[in-house]
Amino acid sequence: MSQNKTYPRLLADIGGTNARFALETENEQIQNIEVLACNDYNTIVDAVKAYLSKIGNPIIKFGAFAIANPVVGDWVQMTNHHWAFSIETTRQVLNLEVLILINDFTAQAYAITKMSHSEFLQVGGTSCALYAPKAVLGPGTGLGVSALMPCRKGEYMALAGEGGHVSFAPFDDTELMVWQYARKKYGHVSVERFLSGSGLVLIYEALADIEGVKDGQMSSGLISEQALSGKCPLCRLTLDIFCAMLGTVSSNVALTLGARGGVYLCGGIIPRFIEYFKTSPFRMRFEDKGRFNAYLAAIPVYVVLAKYPGISGIAVALENHLRDCNMET
């Protein structure tokens, strides 16, 4: 099949809160980006049809969705949203020839390979080792974790994992008390319970309970705002602990992978307080690994500033799929 016959391609990056849609009209030419709130639509098909209607209902035969969920088999039940669907049925209903789904952080990882240096902000470390693994993770509605593994010179393969759901391990006495509060509430406490938008609220609630503070409902946005303005010491402590926890988890992933190619922090939360984050407890905790302090001190951490990395990443995944299926020339 000639290359132009596969365009335009439908791309989507579907999180627990928002679904981002776009068209790829030619190779790496991405247009018509729209962000739709997932809660506004009963099904994923409703959201796709609403997007296509907004842009004039173009004829599309090839699509790819990145989704905040494991993709195992045909049936998808989202972890942090109510959408549940069959991939094959969705393909048929949308009249597509090809529809692929991958984990959203696998797409984030693929996006890293297409970004320029201006789309990263380095926080500590020296420089990346050549042809070494790269860790990709980040808090949003949940905590996504992936990696880029070198497979051929200059090329990387993105891993699909669910590292956000590994068990949380407290680092110090304060985190132990926060963990105990969460354990009473949820039973198993994954790292995602803390390293997410709702996690920021959970940390605050735990600290308020420990301190005997009676406060009204706090949102993650309000906690961040009051932490940075200096109006609420408990909010500042919450944000400090959040960043310290992220430092520990990031270093755990880096050690597990041997990610001397760098650690890349994605997601919408950190860029909201980027100036604070540069001097937050994150980097100190990232390097606090006893005999491996020096190993981690050399590894650079990059905050990803690109606005829609999942869209560019899923475009790479679809291109790879069509190439592997001999549907491209």
Protein backbone atom coordinates (compact mmCIF):
# COMPACT_ATOMS: atom_id res chain seq x y z
CA MET A 1 0.00 0.00 0.00
CA SER A 2 1.45 3.38 -0.88
CA GLN A 3 2.12 5.73 1.98
CA ASN A 4 -0.39 8.43 1.10
CA LYS A 5 -3.30 5.95 1.11
CA THR A 6 -2.97 5.53 4.89
CA TYR A 7 -3.57 9.25 5.55
CA PRO A 8 -5.25 10.95 7.24
CA ARG A 9 -4.73 8.90 10.39
CA LEU A 10 -6.83 9.26 13.53
CA LEU A 11 -4.74 9.67 16.70
CA ALA A 12 -5.94 9.77 20.30
CA ASP A 13 -4.34 10.03 23.74
CA ILE A 14 -6.97 8.99 26.28
CA GLY A 15 -6.39 9.65 29.96
CA GLY A 16 -8.63 9.24 32.95
CA THR A 17 -9.77 12.88 32.72
CA ASN A 18 -9.30 14.08 29.13
CA ALA A 19 -9.15 12.56 25.66
CA ARG A 20 -6.90 14.34 23.17
CA PHE A 21 -7.58 13.77 19.47
CA ALA A 22 -5.70 14.74 16.32
CA LEU A 23 -5.28 13.96 12.63
CA GLU A 24 -1.97 13.08 11.06
CA THR A 25 -2.31 14.28 7.47
CA GLU A 26 1.22 13.33 6.33
CA ASN A 27 4.25 11.89 8.10
CA GLU A 28 4.73 13.91 11.35
CA GLN A 29 2.19 16.51 10.16
CA ILE A 30 -0.28 16.61 13.05
CA GLN A 31 -3.31 18.91 12.89
CA ASN A 32 -6.76 19.53 14.36
CA ILE A 33 -5.84 18.78 17.97
CA GLU A 34 -8.88 18.83 20.26
CA VAL A 35 -9.19 18.05 23.97
CA LEU A 36 -12.49 16.54 25.13
CA ALA A 37 -13.49 15.80 28.73
CA CYS A 38 -14.05 12.05 29.10
CA ASN A 39 -16.95 12.56 31.50
CA ASP A 40 -18.89 14.39 28.77
CA TYR A 41 -19.31 11.15 26.78
CA ASN A 42 -20.86 7.82 27.68
CA THR A 43 -18.53 5.78 25.46
CA ILE A 44 -15.25 6.10 23.62
CA VAL A 45 -17.14 5.85 20.31
CA ASP A 46 -19.27 8.85 21.32
CA ALA A 47 -16.11 10.87 22.01
CA VAL A 48 -14.48 9.87 18.70
CA LYS A 49 -17.62 10.72 16.73
CA ALA A 50 -17.90 14.08 18.49
CA TYR A 51 -14.30 14.87 17.54
CA LEU A 52 -14.75 13.81 13.91
CA SER A 53 -17.92 15.90 13.70
CA LYS A 54 -16.01 18.95 14.95
CA ILE A 55 -13.49 18.65 12.10
CA GLY A 56 -15.95 17.93 9.29
CA ASN A 57 -16.17 14.12 9.37
CA PRO A 58 -13.18 13.27 7.16
CA ILE A 59 -12.91 9.71 5.79
CA ILE A 60 -10.39 7.85 7.92
CA LYS A 61 -9.33 4.21 7.68
CA PHE A 62 -6.34 4.03 10.05
CA GLY A 63 -6.35 4.89 13.74
CA ALA A 64 -4.33 4.47 16.92
CA PHE A 65 -5.23 5.24 20.52
CA ALA A 66 -2.96 5.60 23.53
CA ILE A 67 -4.94 4.81 26.66
CA ALA A 68 -4.25 5.07 30.39
CA ASN A 69 -4.74 1.38 30.94
CA PRO A 70 -3.17 -2.03 30.37
CA VAL A 71 -3.95 -3.32 26.87
CA VAL A 72 -4.21 -7.08 27.13
CA GLY A 73 -6.41 -8.77 24.55
CA ASP A 74 -9.48 -7.23 22.97
CA TRP A 75 -11.41 -5.97 26.00
CA VAL A 76 -10.41 -2.68 27.67
CA GLN A 77 -11.79 -1.61 31.05
CA MET A 78 -10.24 1.72 32.05
CA THR A 79 -8.70 1.87 35.52
CA ASN A 80 -9.46 5.52 36.27
CA HIS A 81 -12.60 6.03 34.16
CA HIS A 82 -15.83 4.17 33.39
CA TRP A 83 -15.24 3.53 29.67
CA ALA A 84 -15.10 -0.16 28.77
CA PHE A 85 -15.05 -1.48 25.20
CA SER A 86 -13.94 -4.08 22.66
CA ILE A 87 -11.14 -2.87 20.38
CA GLU A 88 -12.46 -4.89 17.43
CA THR A 89 -16.05 -3.72 17.88
CA THR A 90 -14.84 -0.12 18.14
CA ARG A 91 -12.85 -0.56 14.92
CA GLN A 92 -15.91 -1.87 13.14
CA VAL A 93 -18.27 0.80 14.46
CA LEU A 94 -15.85 3.54 13.39
CA ASN A 95 -15.42 1.86 9.97
CA LEU A 96 -11.64 1.65 10.30
CA GLU A 97 -9.39 -0.81 8.49
CA VAL A 98 -6.81 -0.68 11.28
CA LEU A 99 -7.16 0.34 14.92
CA ILE A 100 -4.38 -0.26 17.44
CA LEU A 101 -4.33 0.54 21.14
CA ILE A 102 -1.26 0.85 23.36
CA ASN A 103 -0.66 2.01 26.91
CA ASP A 104 -0.49 5.79 27.18
CA PHE A 105 2.98 5.81 28.72
CA THR A 106 4.29 3.57 25.99
CA ALA A 107 3.19 6.40 23.68
CA GLN A 108 4.84 8.96 25.97
CA ALA A 109 8.06 6.99 25.67
CA TYR A 110 7.90 6.90 21.87
CA ALA A 111 7.33 10.67 21.91
CA ILE A 112 10.65 11.19 23.72
CA THR A 113 12.44 9.94 20.61
CA LYS A 114 10.93 12.77 18.53
CA MET A 115 11.43 15.71 20.89
CA SER A 116 13.93 18.55 20.63
CA HIS A 117 16.09 19.74 23.54
CA SER A 118 13.86 22.81 23.93
CA GLU A 119 11.03 20.52 25.04
CA PHE A 120 12.98 19.27 28.08
CA LEU A 121 14.01 20.97 31.33
CA GLN A 122 16.97 19.27 33.01
CA VAL A 123 16.87 18.87 36.79
CA GLY A 124 20.28 17.71 38.03
CA GLY A 125 22.62 15.06 36.73
CA THR A 126 25.35 15.39 34.12
CA SER A 127 24.76 13.91 30.68
CA CYS A 128 23.07 10.84 29.20
CA ALA A 129 25.06 7.71 28.45
CA LEU A 130 24.82 6.71 24.78
CA TYR A 131 22.62 3.74 23.86
CA ALA A 132 21.51 3.26 27.48
CA PRO A 133 17.93 2.68 28.67
CA LYS A 134 15.75 5.72 29.36
CA ALA A 135 13.10 5.73 32.10
CA VAL A 136 9.79 7.48 31.39
CA LEU A 137 7.26 8.14 34.14
CA GLY A 138 4.97 10.81 35.43
CA PRO A 139 2.01 11.67 37.65
CA GLY A 140 -1.32 12.74 36.19
CA THR A 141 -4.73 11.20 36.84
CA GLY A 142 -2.64 8.11 37.68
CA LEU A 143 1.09 7.33 37.58
CA GLY A 144 2.41 6.13 34.24
CA VAL A 145 5.68 4.22 33.90
CA SER A 146 7.47 3.08 30.76
CA ALA A 147 10.98 2.89 29.33
CA LEU A 148 12.92 3.16 26.11
CA MET A 149 15.29 0.27 25.52
CA PRO A 150 18.01 0.51 22.88
CA CYS A 151 17.52 -2.22 20.28
CA ARG A 152 19.60 -1.04 17.31
CA LYS A 153 22.04 1.83 17.00
CA GLY A 154 20.02 5.01 17.34
CA GLU A 155 16.69 3.18 17.71
CA TYR A 156 14.63 2.40 20.80
CA MET A 157 11.79 0.09 21.74
CA ALA A 158 9.17 1.37 24.20
CA LEU A 159 8.04 -0.96 26.98
CA ALA A 160 4.45 -1.39 28.12
CA GLY A 161 4.33 -1.69 31.90
CA GLU A 162 2.14 -0.91 34.89
CA GLY A 163 4.81 0.33 37.28
CA GLY A 164 2.42 2.84 38.83
CA HIS A 165 0.70 -0.04 40.63
CA VAL A 166 3.73 -1.49 42.42
CA SER A 167 3.55 -1.35 46.23
CA PHE A 168 4.56 1.90 47.90
CA ALA A 169 7.49 1.70 50.32
CA PRO A 170 7.80 4.48 52.95
CA PHE A 171 11.20 6.19 53.08
CA ASP A 172 10.99 7.77 56.55
CA ASP A 173 8.74 8.02 59.62
CA THR A 174 6.50 10.69 58.11
CA GLU A 175 5.90 8.65 54.97
CA LEU A 176 5.26 5.62 57.17
CA MET A 177 2.44 7.48 58.94
CA VAL A 178 1.03 8.67 55.60
CA TRP A 179 1.19 5.09 54.30
CA GLN A 180 -0.60 3.80 57.41
CA TYR A 181 -3.43 6.29 56.84
CA ALA A 182 -3.76 5.18 53.21
CA ARG A 183 -3.59 1.50 54.13
CA LYS A 184 -6.53 1.85 56.52
CA LYS A 185 -8.47 3.53 53.71
CA TYR A 186 -7.55 1.30 50.74
CA GLY A 187 -5.79 -1.85 51.90
CA HIS A 188 -3.07 -2.19 49.27
CA VAL A 189 -1.24 1.10 48.71
CA SER A 190 0.35 1.49 45.29
CA VAL A 191 2.74 4.31 44.43
CA GLU A 192 -0.03 5.73 42.22
CA ARG A 193 -2.16 6.31 45.34
CA PHE A 194 0.24 9.13 46.25
CA LEU A 195 1.86 10.11 42.94
CA SER A 196 -1.20 11.43 41.11
CA GLY A 197 -3.59 14.36 41.34
CA SER A 198 -5.77 12.55 43.87
CA GLY A 199 -2.57 11.42 45.60
CA LEU A 200 -1.67 14.98 46.47
CA VAL A 201 -5.05 15.26 48.20
CA LEU A 202 -4.50 11.93 49.98
CA ILE A 203 -1.12 13.05 51.34
CA TYR A 204 -2.72 16.27 52.61
CA GLU A 205 -5.59 14.37 54.25
CA ALA A 206 -3.15 12.03 55.97
CA LEU A 207 -1.05 14.91 57.30
CA ALA A 208 -4.16 16.78 58.45
CA ASP A 209 -5.32 13.65 60.27
CA ILE A 210 -1.91 13.22 61.93
CA GLU A 211 -1.83 16.89 62.99
CA GLY A 212 -5.48 16.96 64.04
CA VAL A 213 -6.27 19.70 61.55
CA LYS A 214 -9.94 20.05 60.62
CA ASP A 215 -10.06 21.49 57.11
CA GLY A 216 -12.67 21.49 54.39
CA GLN A 217 -12.24 19.58 51.14
CA MET A 218 -9.01 20.45 49.35
CA SER A 219 -8.34 19.95 45.63
CA SER A 220 -4.90 19.22 44.22
CA GLY A 221 -4.91 22.65 42.53
CA LEU A 222 -5.73 24.45 45.76
CA ILE A 223 -3.08 22.51 47.69
CA SER A 224 -0.44 23.48 45.10
CA GLU A 225 -1.58 27.11 45.04
CA GLN A 226 -1.52 27.52 48.82
CA ALA A 227 1.78 25.64 49.09
CA LEU A 228 3.49 27.99 46.65
CA SER A 229 1.94 31.18 48.07
CA GLY A 230 3.09 30.34 51.58
CA LYS A 231 -0.45 30.62 52.95
CA CYS A 232 -0.60 27.03 54.22
CA PRO A 233 2.43 25.31 55.80
CA LEU A 234 0.61 21.95 55.70
CA CYS A 235 0.07 22.36 51.94
CA ARG A 236 3.78 23.12 51.51
CA LEU A 237 4.70 20.02 53.47
CA THR A 238 2.29 18.03 51.28
CA LEU A 239 3.98 19.25 48.11
CA ASP A 240 7.45 18.60 49.56
CA ILE A 241 6.49 15.03 50.45
CA PHE A 242 4.90 14.48 47.03
CA CYS A 243 8.11 15.55 45.27
CA ALA A 244 10.29 13.52 47.64
CA MET A 245 8.17 10.41 47.00
CA LEU A 246 8.48 11.01 43.26
CA GLY A 247 12.26 11.24 43.71
CA THR A 248 12.36 7.86 45.44
CA VAL A 249 10.14 6.15 42.89
CA SER A 250 12.05 7.69 39.97
CA SER A 251 15.37 6.47 41.35
CA ASN A 252 13.89 3.01 41.93
CA VAL A 253 12.87 2.85 38.27
CA ALA A 254 16.26 4.22 37.17
CA LEU A 255 18.14 1.57 39.16
CA THR A 256 15.86 -1.24 37.99
CA LEU A 257 16.37 -0.33 34.34
CA GLY A 258 19.95 0.94 34.54
CA ALA A 259 18.53 4.11 33.01
CA ARG A 260 21.78 5.98 32.44
CA GLY A 261 20.12 7.40 29.32
CA GLY A 262 18.11 9.70 31.58
CA VAL A 263 14.83 9.83 33.46
CA TYR A 264 11.98 11.67 31.73
CA LEU A 265 9.10 13.05 33.80
CA CYS A 266 5.86 13.45 31.84
CA GLY A 267 2.31 14.32 32.82
CA GLY A 268 0.46 17.53 33.51
CA ILE A 269 1.19 17.99 37.21
CA ILE A 270 4.87 18.92 37.48
CA PRO A 271 4.86 21.71 34.85
CA ARG A 272 2.28 23.56 37.02
CA PHE A 273 4.96 24.23 39.65
CA ILE A 274 8.13 23.89 37.63
CA GLU A 275 10.11 26.68 39.35
CA TYR A 276 9.45 25.17 42.77
CA PHE A 277 10.21 21.69 41.46
CA LYS A 278 13.77 22.65 40.47
CA THR A 279 14.70 23.17 44.15
CA SER A 280 12.15 20.80 45.70
CA PRO A 281 13.21 17.68 47.67
CA PHE A 282 12.89 15.66 44.45
CA ARG A 283 16.54 15.65 43.35
CA MET A 284 17.99 15.16 46.83
CA ARG A 285 15.72 12.15 47.36
CA PHE A 286 16.45 10.84 43.85
CA GLU A 287 20.14 10.56 44.72
CA ASP A 288 19.64 9.28 48.29
CA LYS A 289 20.43 5.61 47.68
CA GLY A 290 23.38 4.85 49.96
CA ARG A 291 26.13 3.08 48.04
CA PHE A 292 24.55 4.10 44.72
CA ASN A 293 24.43 7.85 45.39
CA ALA A 294 27.17 8.57 42.84
CA TYR A 295 25.56 6.33 40.21
CA LEU A 296 22.27 8.25 40.50
CA ALA A 297 23.92 11.68 40.81
CA ALA A 298 25.21 11.28 37.26
CA ILE A 299 21.79 10.48 35.76
CA PRO A 300 19.99 13.55 34.37
CA VAL A 301 16.28 13.99 34.99
CA TYR A 302 14.25 15.86 32.38
CA VAL A 303 10.82 17.39 32.85
CA VAL A 304 8.96 17.03 29.55
CA LEU A 305 7.44 20.37 28.53
CA ALA A 306 5.86 19.28 25.22
CA LYS A 307 2.13 19.99 25.21
CA TYR A 308 0.79 16.83 23.53
CA PRO A 309 3.51 14.15 23.73
CA GLY A 310 1.02 11.28 23.71
CA ILE A 311 -0.25 12.33 20.29
CA SER A 312 3.19 12.36 18.68
CA GLY A 313 4.04 9.09 20.45
CA ILE A 314 0.97 7.21 19.23
CA ALA A 315 1.76 8.45 15.71
CA VAL A 316 5.15 6.72 15.98
CA ALA A 317 3.48 3.52 17.20
CA LEU A 318 1.00 3.50 14.31
CA GLU A 319 3.76 4.16 11.77
CA ASN A 320 5.75 1.24 13.21
CA HIS A 321 2.69 -1.03 13.11
CA LEU A 322 1.87 -0.22 9.49
CA ARG A 323 5.50 -0.69 8.50
CA ASP A 324 5.71 -4.04 10.27
CA CYS A 325 2.49 -5.14 8.53
CA ASN A 326 3.92 -4.07 5.15
CA MET A 327 1.21 -1.46 4.76
CA GLU A 328 3.72 1.28 4.05
CA THR A 329 6.26 1.77 1.31
